[in-house]
Amino acid sequence: MLQETFNWQSVSLIAGLSLWRFYFRMHPGSIKSPQVVEFLRALLRHLPGKLLVVWDGAPIHRSALVRDFVTAQGDRLLVERLPAYAPELNPVEYLWAHLKEHELGNLIVRQAHELGHHATRALRRMRRRPAIIRACWKQAELWL
């Protein structure tokens, strides 16, 4: 019998999809409001013009810190909320599903940082495949 200790280390991902590309960041542990603001700030730096963010009603998306940041951006950053309990409308959910089922399926790691390494490599590979991005939008059936 093989015994292993387990310590519930985790890595979390945050991502945003455009029609042609996706952007992501990885964080050790859980993603909190400061990481959401940091990600939005990075998107605003990389993407010219107005940015429309469509996301779910997660508490971190509704936090005062995130709300204040969004308000401070004026017309440059617009936010629309998906209906409650409708993950099928969120194209990022299909990105995560592809990552878990096709890119990282059957992966076994001993440490969270190993998972982070494999996930980053897989996401970079996925980013070079526009068909995956199109499929995420098609499955979400959002009108754009």
N, C-alpha and C. Protein backbone atom coordinates (compact mmCIF):
# COMPACT_ATOMS: atom_id res chain seq x y z
N MET A 1 0.85 -1.17 0.00
CA MET A 1 0.00 0.00 0.00
C MET A 1 0.90 1.24 0.00
N LEU A 2 0.57 2.17 -0.88
CA LEU A 2 1.33 3.40 -1.01
C LEU A 2 0.58 4.51 -0.29
N GLN A 3 1.27 5.20 0.60
CA GLN A 3 0.62 6.30 1.31
C GLN A 3 1.29 7.61 0.93
N GLU A 4 0.47 8.61 0.72
CA GLU A 4 0.95 9.95 0.38
C GLU A 4 0.25 10.95 1.28
N THR A 5 0.97 11.98 1.65
CA THR A 5 0.32 13.08 2.36
C THR A 5 -0.18 14.07 1.32
N PHE A 6 -1.24 14.73 1.64
CA PHE A 6 -1.83 15.68 0.70
C PHE A 6 -2.09 16.98 1.43
N ASN A 7 -1.76 18.10 0.79
CA ASN A 7 -1.88 19.36 1.51
C ASN A 7 -2.78 20.39 0.83
N TRP A 8 -3.55 20.01 -0.15
CA TRP A 8 -4.52 20.88 -0.79
C TRP A 8 -3.91 22.16 -1.36
N GLN A 9 -2.71 22.07 -1.90
CA GLN A 9 -2.17 23.21 -2.63
C GLN A 9 -3.03 23.42 -3.86
N SER A 10 -3.09 24.64 -4.33
CA SER A 10 -3.88 24.88 -5.53
C SER A 10 -3.27 25.98 -6.38
N VAL A 11 -3.63 25.93 -7.64
CA VAL A 11 -3.35 27.03 -8.55
C VAL A 11 -4.69 27.39 -9.18
N SER A 12 -4.87 28.65 -9.48
CA SER A 12 -6.11 29.11 -10.09
C SER A 12 -5.79 29.86 -11.37
N LEU A 13 -6.72 29.81 -12.30
CA LEU A 13 -6.57 30.49 -13.58
C LEU A 13 -7.67 31.51 -13.74
N ILE A 14 -7.33 32.59 -14.40
CA ILE A 14 -8.30 33.59 -14.82
C ILE A 14 -8.05 33.80 -16.31
N ALA A 15 -9.12 33.93 -17.09
CA ALA A 15 -8.95 34.06 -18.54
C ALA A 15 -10.01 34.98 -19.12
N GLY A 16 -9.69 35.50 -20.27
CA GLY A 16 -10.62 36.29 -21.06
C GLY A 16 -10.48 35.91 -22.52
N LEU A 17 -11.59 35.79 -23.22
CA LEU A 17 -11.59 35.44 -24.63
C LEU A 17 -12.00 36.63 -25.47
N SER A 18 -11.25 36.87 -26.53
CA SER A 18 -11.71 37.77 -27.58
C SER A 18 -12.18 36.86 -28.72
N LEU A 19 -12.58 37.43 -29.82
CA LEU A 19 -13.03 36.59 -30.93
C LEU A 19 -11.88 35.81 -31.56
N TRP A 20 -10.68 36.27 -31.39
CA TRP A 20 -9.55 35.69 -32.10
C TRP A 20 -8.45 35.15 -31.18
N ARG A 21 -8.53 35.41 -29.89
CA ARG A 21 -7.43 35.04 -29.00
C ARG A 21 -7.97 34.93 -27.57
N PHE A 22 -7.18 34.33 -26.70
CA PHE A 22 -7.53 34.39 -25.29
C PHE A 22 -6.30 34.75 -24.47
N TYR A 23 -6.57 35.31 -23.32
CA TYR A 23 -5.55 35.79 -22.40
C TYR A 23 -5.77 35.08 -21.08
N PHE A 24 -4.68 34.76 -20.39
CA PHE A 24 -4.85 34.08 -19.12
C PHE A 24 -3.72 34.45 -18.17
N ARG A 25 -4.00 34.26 -16.91
CA ARG A 25 -3.01 34.40 -15.85
C ARG A 25 -3.24 33.29 -14.85
N MET A 26 -2.16 32.83 -14.28
CA MET A 26 -2.22 31.79 -13.26
C MET A 26 -1.77 32.39 -11.93
N HIS A 27 -2.42 31.95 -10.86
CA HIS A 27 -2.09 32.43 -9.52
C HIS A 27 -2.04 31.25 -8.56
N PRO A 28 -1.09 31.27 -7.63
CA PRO A 28 -1.11 30.24 -6.59
C PRO A 28 -2.31 30.51 -5.67
N GLY A 29 -2.97 29.47 -5.25
CA GLY A 29 -4.12 29.66 -4.36
C GLY A 29 -5.33 30.15 -5.12
N SER A 30 -6.22 30.79 -4.40
CA SER A 30 -7.47 31.29 -4.98
C SER A 30 -7.29 32.67 -5.60
N ILE A 31 -8.15 32.94 -6.56
CA ILE A 31 -8.16 34.28 -7.16
C ILE A 31 -9.10 35.15 -6.35
N LYS A 32 -8.59 36.29 -5.96
CA LYS A 32 -9.36 37.27 -5.18
C LYS A 32 -9.51 38.55 -6.00
N SER A 33 -10.18 39.51 -5.44
CA SER A 33 -10.44 40.77 -6.14
C SER A 33 -9.17 41.46 -6.66
N PRO A 34 -8.07 41.52 -5.91
CA PRO A 34 -6.87 42.18 -6.45
C PRO A 34 -6.35 41.51 -7.72
N GLN A 35 -6.47 40.20 -7.81
CA GLN A 35 -6.02 39.51 -9.02
C GLN A 35 -6.95 39.80 -10.20
N VAL A 36 -8.24 39.96 -9.93
CA VAL A 36 -9.18 40.32 -10.99
C VAL A 36 -8.82 41.71 -11.53
N VAL A 37 -8.57 42.65 -10.64
CA VAL A 37 -8.19 44.00 -11.07
C VAL A 37 -6.88 43.97 -11.85
N GLU A 38 -5.92 43.21 -11.37
CA GLU A 38 -4.63 43.08 -12.07
C GLU A 38 -4.83 42.53 -13.48
N PHE A 39 -5.71 41.53 -13.62
CA PHE A 39 -5.98 40.94 -14.93
C PHE A 39 -6.67 41.95 -15.84
N LEU A 40 -7.65 42.66 -15.33
CA LEU A 40 -8.33 43.69 -16.13
C LEU A 40 -7.35 44.77 -16.57
N ARG A 41 -6.48 45.16 -15.67
CA ARG A 41 -5.46 46.17 -15.99
C ARG A 41 -4.56 45.67 -17.14
N ALA A 42 -4.17 44.41 -17.08
CA ALA A 42 -3.33 43.83 -18.14
C ALA A 42 -4.08 43.79 -19.47
N LEU A 43 -5.36 43.42 -19.43
CA LEU A 43 -6.14 43.41 -20.67
C LEU A 43 -6.23 44.81 -21.27
N LEU A 44 -6.46 45.80 -20.43
CA LEU A 44 -6.55 47.18 -20.93
C LEU A 44 -5.23 47.64 -21.54
N ARG A 45 -4.11 47.17 -21.01
CA ARG A 45 -2.80 47.52 -21.58
C ARG A 45 -2.60 46.86 -22.94
N HIS A 46 -3.07 45.63 -23.10
CA HIS A 46 -2.81 44.87 -24.31
C HIS A 46 -3.83 45.08 -25.42
N LEU A 47 -5.03 45.48 -25.07
CA LEU A 47 -6.09 45.61 -26.07
C LEU A 47 -6.47 47.07 -26.26
N PRO A 48 -6.34 47.59 -27.47
CA PRO A 48 -6.71 48.99 -27.70
C PRO A 48 -8.23 49.17 -27.75
N GLY A 49 -8.67 50.38 -27.54
CA GLY A 49 -10.09 50.69 -27.65
C GLY A 49 -10.89 50.23 -26.45
N LYS A 50 -12.20 50.19 -26.66
CA LYS A 50 -13.11 49.80 -25.59
C LYS A 50 -13.04 48.29 -25.35
N LEU A 51 -13.25 47.92 -24.11
CA LEU A 51 -13.21 46.51 -23.72
C LEU A 51 -14.54 46.16 -23.07
N LEU A 52 -15.21 45.15 -23.63
CA LEU A 52 -16.45 44.64 -23.05
C LEU A 52 -16.12 43.35 -22.32
N VAL A 53 -16.42 43.31 -21.04
CA VAL A 53 -16.20 42.11 -20.23
C VAL A 53 -17.57 41.53 -19.90
N VAL A 54 -17.76 40.27 -20.26
CA VAL A 54 -19.00 39.56 -19.94
C VAL A 54 -18.61 38.44 -18.99
N TRP A 55 -19.14 38.51 -17.77
CA TRP A 55 -18.77 37.50 -16.79
C TRP A 55 -19.94 37.13 -15.91
N ASP A 56 -19.73 36.13 -15.08
CA ASP A 56 -20.80 35.67 -14.21
C ASP A 56 -20.90 36.56 -12.97
N GLY A 57 -21.79 36.23 -12.10
CA GLY A 57 -22.02 37.05 -10.91
C GLY A 57 -21.22 36.61 -9.70
N ALA A 58 -20.05 36.03 -9.91
CA ALA A 58 -19.21 35.58 -8.79
C ALA A 58 -18.94 36.74 -7.84
N PRO A 59 -18.85 36.47 -6.55
CA PRO A 59 -18.62 37.55 -5.58
C PRO A 59 -17.38 38.40 -5.88
N ILE A 60 -16.31 37.80 -6.41
CA ILE A 60 -15.13 38.62 -6.71
C ILE A 60 -15.39 39.60 -7.84
N HIS A 61 -16.32 39.29 -8.73
CA HIS A 61 -16.67 40.21 -9.81
C HIS A 61 -17.51 41.38 -9.30
N ARG A 62 -18.17 41.18 -8.16
CA ARG A 62 -19.04 42.22 -7.61
C ARG A 62 -18.41 42.98 -6.45
N SER A 63 -17.17 42.67 -6.13
CA SER A 63 -16.52 43.29 -4.96
C SER A 63 -16.36 44.79 -5.16
N ALA A 64 -16.23 45.50 -4.06
CA ALA A 64 -16.05 46.96 -4.12
C ALA A 64 -14.78 47.33 -4.87
N LEU A 65 -13.72 46.59 -4.66
CA LEU A 65 -12.45 46.87 -5.34
C LEU A 65 -12.61 46.77 -6.86
N VAL A 66 -13.23 45.70 -7.33
CA VAL A 66 -13.44 45.51 -8.77
C VAL A 66 -14.41 46.56 -9.29
N ARG A 67 -15.49 46.78 -8.58
CA ARG A 67 -16.49 47.77 -9.00
C ARG A 67 -15.87 49.16 -9.13
N ASP A 68 -15.05 49.55 -8.15
CA ASP A 68 -14.39 50.86 -8.19
C ASP A 68 -13.42 50.95 -9.36
N PHE A 69 -12.69 49.88 -9.62
CA PHE A 69 -11.75 49.88 -10.74
C PHE A 69 -12.49 50.04 -12.06
N VAL A 70 -13.57 49.28 -12.23
CA VAL A 70 -14.36 49.35 -13.47
C VAL A 70 -14.91 50.76 -13.65
N THR A 71 -15.46 51.34 -12.60
CA THR A 71 -16.01 52.70 -12.66
C THR A 71 -14.94 53.71 -13.04
N ALA A 72 -13.74 53.55 -12.50
CA ALA A 72 -12.65 54.49 -12.77
C ALA A 72 -12.20 54.45 -14.23
N GLN A 73 -12.51 53.37 -14.94
CA GLN A 73 -12.09 53.27 -16.34
C GLN A 73 -13.03 54.00 -17.29
N GLY A 74 -14.17 54.44 -16.79
CA GLY A 74 -15.12 55.17 -17.63
C GLY A 74 -15.63 54.31 -18.77
N ASP A 75 -15.73 54.90 -19.96
CA ASP A 75 -16.26 54.20 -21.13
C ASP A 75 -15.29 53.17 -21.71
N ARG A 76 -14.07 53.17 -21.26
CA ARG A 76 -13.07 52.25 -21.81
C ARG A 76 -13.36 50.80 -21.43
N LEU A 77 -13.98 50.59 -20.28
CA LEU A 77 -14.25 49.24 -19.79
C LEU A 77 -15.73 49.11 -19.45
N LEU A 78 -16.42 48.26 -20.20
CA LEU A 78 -17.84 48.01 -19.98
C LEU A 78 -18.01 46.59 -19.46
N VAL A 79 -18.91 46.41 -18.52
CA VAL A 79 -19.13 45.09 -17.92
C VAL A 79 -20.60 44.71 -18.08
N GLU A 80 -20.82 43.49 -18.53
CA GLU A 80 -22.16 42.90 -18.60
C GLU A 80 -22.12 41.60 -17.82
N ARG A 81 -23.17 41.35 -17.09
CA ARG A 81 -23.22 40.14 -16.27
C ARG A 81 -24.09 39.09 -16.95
N LEU A 82 -23.60 37.86 -16.94
CA LEU A 82 -24.39 36.75 -17.45
C LEU A 82 -25.52 36.45 -16.48
N PRO A 83 -26.60 35.82 -16.96
CA PRO A 83 -27.67 35.44 -16.04
C PRO A 83 -27.15 34.46 -14.99
N ALA A 84 -27.79 34.47 -13.84
CA ALA A 84 -27.40 33.55 -12.76
C ALA A 84 -27.57 32.10 -13.22
N TYR A 85 -26.69 31.25 -12.75
CA TYR A 85 -26.75 29.82 -13.01
C TYR A 85 -26.78 29.50 -14.51
N ALA A 86 -25.97 30.19 -15.29
CA ALA A 86 -25.93 29.95 -16.73
C ALA A 86 -24.49 29.79 -17.23
N PRO A 87 -23.74 28.85 -16.67
CA PRO A 87 -22.36 28.68 -17.13
C PRO A 87 -22.27 28.31 -18.60
N GLU A 88 -23.35 27.73 -19.14
CA GLU A 88 -23.34 27.35 -20.55
C GLU A 88 -23.26 28.56 -21.49
N LEU A 89 -23.51 29.76 -20.97
CA LEU A 89 -23.39 30.97 -21.78
C LEU A 89 -22.00 31.59 -21.73
N ASN A 90 -21.15 31.05 -20.88
CA ASN A 90 -19.82 31.63 -20.67
C ASN A 90 -18.79 30.87 -21.52
N PRO A 91 -18.24 31.51 -22.57
CA PRO A 91 -17.28 30.81 -23.43
C PRO A 91 -16.02 30.35 -22.70
N VAL A 92 -15.65 31.03 -21.62
CA VAL A 92 -14.46 30.61 -20.88
C VAL A 92 -14.67 29.24 -20.24
N GLU A 93 -15.90 28.90 -19.89
CA GLU A 93 -16.18 27.58 -19.33
C GLU A 93 -15.81 26.47 -20.32
N TYR A 94 -16.02 26.72 -21.60
CA TYR A 94 -15.67 25.73 -22.62
C TYR A 94 -14.15 25.66 -22.81
N LEU A 95 -13.48 26.76 -22.60
CA LEU A 95 -12.02 26.76 -22.62
C LEU A 95 -11.48 25.87 -21.50
N TRP A 96 -12.04 26.04 -20.30
CA TRP A 96 -11.62 25.22 -19.16
C TRP A 96 -11.94 23.75 -19.42
N ALA A 97 -13.10 23.48 -19.99
CA ALA A 97 -13.48 22.09 -20.26
C ALA A 97 -12.49 21.44 -21.23
N HIS A 98 -12.12 22.17 -22.28
CA HIS A 98 -11.15 21.62 -23.24
C HIS A 98 -9.81 21.38 -22.55
N LEU A 99 -9.38 22.33 -21.75
CA LEU A 99 -8.11 22.19 -21.04
C LEU A 99 -8.11 20.93 -20.16
N LYS A 100 -9.18 20.77 -19.37
CA LYS A 100 -9.24 19.64 -18.44
C LYS A 100 -9.41 18.29 -19.14
N GLU A 101 -10.28 18.26 -20.14
CA GLU A 101 -10.62 16.98 -20.76
C GLU A 101 -9.63 16.54 -21.83
N HIS A 102 -9.09 17.49 -22.59
CA HIS A 102 -8.26 17.11 -23.73
C HIS A 102 -6.77 17.37 -23.53
N GLU A 103 -6.44 18.45 -22.88
CA GLU A 103 -5.03 18.82 -22.74
C GLU A 103 -4.40 18.23 -21.48
N LEU A 104 -5.16 18.19 -20.40
CA LEU A 104 -4.61 17.72 -19.13
C LEU A 104 -5.24 16.42 -18.64
N GLY A 105 -6.09 15.83 -19.46
CA GLY A 105 -6.73 14.58 -19.07
C GLY A 105 -5.68 13.53 -18.70
N ASN A 106 -5.91 12.81 -17.65
CA ASN A 106 -5.02 11.75 -17.16
C ASN A 106 -3.68 12.26 -16.64
N LEU A 107 -3.53 13.55 -16.45
CA LEU A 107 -2.30 14.10 -15.89
C LEU A 107 -2.27 13.86 -14.38
N ILE A 108 -1.17 13.37 -13.90
CA ILE A 108 -0.98 13.18 -12.47
C ILE A 108 0.24 13.99 -12.05
N VAL A 109 0.07 14.83 -11.06
CA VAL A 109 1.18 15.63 -10.55
C VAL A 109 1.24 15.48 -9.03
N ARG A 110 2.39 15.76 -8.47
CA ARG A 110 2.56 15.68 -7.02
C ARG A 110 2.49 17.05 -6.36
N GLN A 111 2.77 18.09 -7.11
CA GLN A 111 2.82 19.44 -6.56
C GLN A 111 1.98 20.38 -7.42
N ALA A 112 1.42 21.40 -6.79
CA ALA A 112 0.61 22.37 -7.51
C ALA A 112 1.41 23.08 -8.59
N HIS A 113 2.69 23.37 -8.31
CA HIS A 113 3.48 24.08 -9.32
C HIS A 113 3.67 23.24 -10.59
N GLU A 114 3.66 21.92 -10.46
CA GLU A 114 3.75 21.06 -11.65
C GLU A 114 2.48 21.20 -12.48
N LEU A 115 1.34 21.22 -11.81
CA LEU A 115 0.08 21.42 -12.52
C LEU A 115 0.10 22.77 -13.23
N GLY A 116 0.57 23.79 -12.54
CA GLY A 116 0.66 25.11 -13.15
C GLY A 116 1.53 25.12 -14.39
N HIS A 117 2.64 24.43 -14.33
CA HIS A 117 3.55 24.34 -15.47
C HIS A 117 2.87 23.67 -16.66
N HIS A 118 2.24 22.52 -16.42
CA HIS A 118 1.56 21.79 -17.50
C HIS A 118 0.38 22.58 -18.05
N ALA A 119 -0.37 23.23 -17.18
CA ALA A 119 -1.52 24.03 -17.63
C ALA A 119 -1.06 25.20 -18.49
N THR A 120 0.00 25.88 -18.08
CA THR A 120 0.51 27.01 -18.86
C THR A 120 0.95 26.54 -20.24
N ARG A 121 1.68 25.45 -20.31
CA ARG A 121 2.12 24.93 -21.61
C ARG A 121 0.92 24.56 -22.48
N ALA A 122 -0.07 23.91 -21.88
CA ALA A 122 -1.26 23.51 -22.64
C ALA A 122 -2.02 24.73 -23.14
N LEU A 123 -2.19 25.73 -22.30
CA LEU A 123 -2.92 26.94 -22.71
C LEU A 123 -2.18 27.67 -23.83
N ARG A 124 -0.87 27.69 -23.77
CA ARG A 124 -0.10 28.32 -24.85
C ARG A 124 -0.28 27.55 -26.16
N ARG A 125 -0.32 26.23 -26.08
CA ARG A 125 -0.59 25.43 -27.29
C ARG A 125 -1.99 25.73 -27.81
N MET A 126 -2.95 25.78 -26.90
CA MET A 126 -4.34 26.03 -27.30
C MET A 126 -4.48 27.40 -27.96
N ARG A 127 -3.72 28.36 -27.49
CA ARG A 127 -3.81 29.72 -28.03
C ARG A 127 -3.41 29.76 -29.51
N ARG A 128 -2.60 28.81 -29.93
CA ARG A 128 -2.18 28.76 -31.33
C ARG A 128 -3.19 28.02 -32.21
N ARG A 129 -4.31 27.64 -31.64
CA ARG A 129 -5.33 26.89 -32.39
C ARG A 129 -6.64 27.67 -32.39
N PRO A 130 -6.82 28.55 -33.39
CA PRO A 130 -8.02 29.39 -33.43
C PRO A 130 -9.33 28.60 -33.44
N ALA A 131 -9.30 27.37 -33.92
CA ALA A 131 -10.52 26.57 -33.95
C ALA A 131 -11.06 26.34 -32.54
N ILE A 132 -10.19 26.24 -31.56
CA ILE A 132 -10.64 26.05 -30.17
C ILE A 132 -11.38 27.29 -29.70
N ILE A 133 -10.84 28.46 -30.01
CA ILE A 133 -11.48 29.71 -29.59
C ILE A 133 -12.84 29.85 -30.26
N ARG A 134 -12.90 29.57 -31.56
CA ARG A 134 -14.18 29.65 -32.28
C ARG A 134 -15.19 28.68 -31.67
N ALA A 135 -14.73 27.48 -31.33
CA ALA A 135 -15.64 26.48 -30.75
C ALA A 135 -16.19 26.94 -29.40
N CYS A 136 -15.37 27.61 -28.60
CA CYS A 136 -15.85 28.13 -27.31
C CYS A 136 -16.98 29.12 -27.51
N TRP A 137 -16.81 30.02 -28.47
CA TRP A 137 -17.85 31.01 -28.76
C TRP A 137 -19.10 30.34 -29.33
N LYS A 138 -18.89 29.38 -30.22
CA LYS A 138 -20.03 28.70 -30.85
C LYS A 138 -20.85 27.95 -29.81
N GLN A 139 -20.18 27.26 -28.90
CA GLN A 139 -20.92 26.51 -27.88
C GLN A 139 -21.64 27.43 -26.91
N ALA A 140 -21.07 28.58 -26.63
CA ALA A 140 -21.72 29.51 -25.69
C ALA A 140 -22.96 30.15 -26.30
N GLU A 141 -23.04 30.17 -27.62
CA GLU A 141 -24.19 30.72 -28.34
C GLU A 141 -24.52 32.15 -27.92
N LEU A 142 -23.48 32.94 -27.67
CA LEU A 142 -23.70 34.35 -27.35
C LEU A 142 -23.76 35.15 -28.64
N TRP A 143 -24.65 36.08 -28.69
CA TRP A 143 -24.71 36.98 -29.84
C TRP A 143 -23.65 38.04 -29.66
N LEU A 144 -22.82 38.23 -30.66
CA LEU A 144 -21.77 39.26 -30.59
C LEU A 144 -21.95 40.26 -31.69
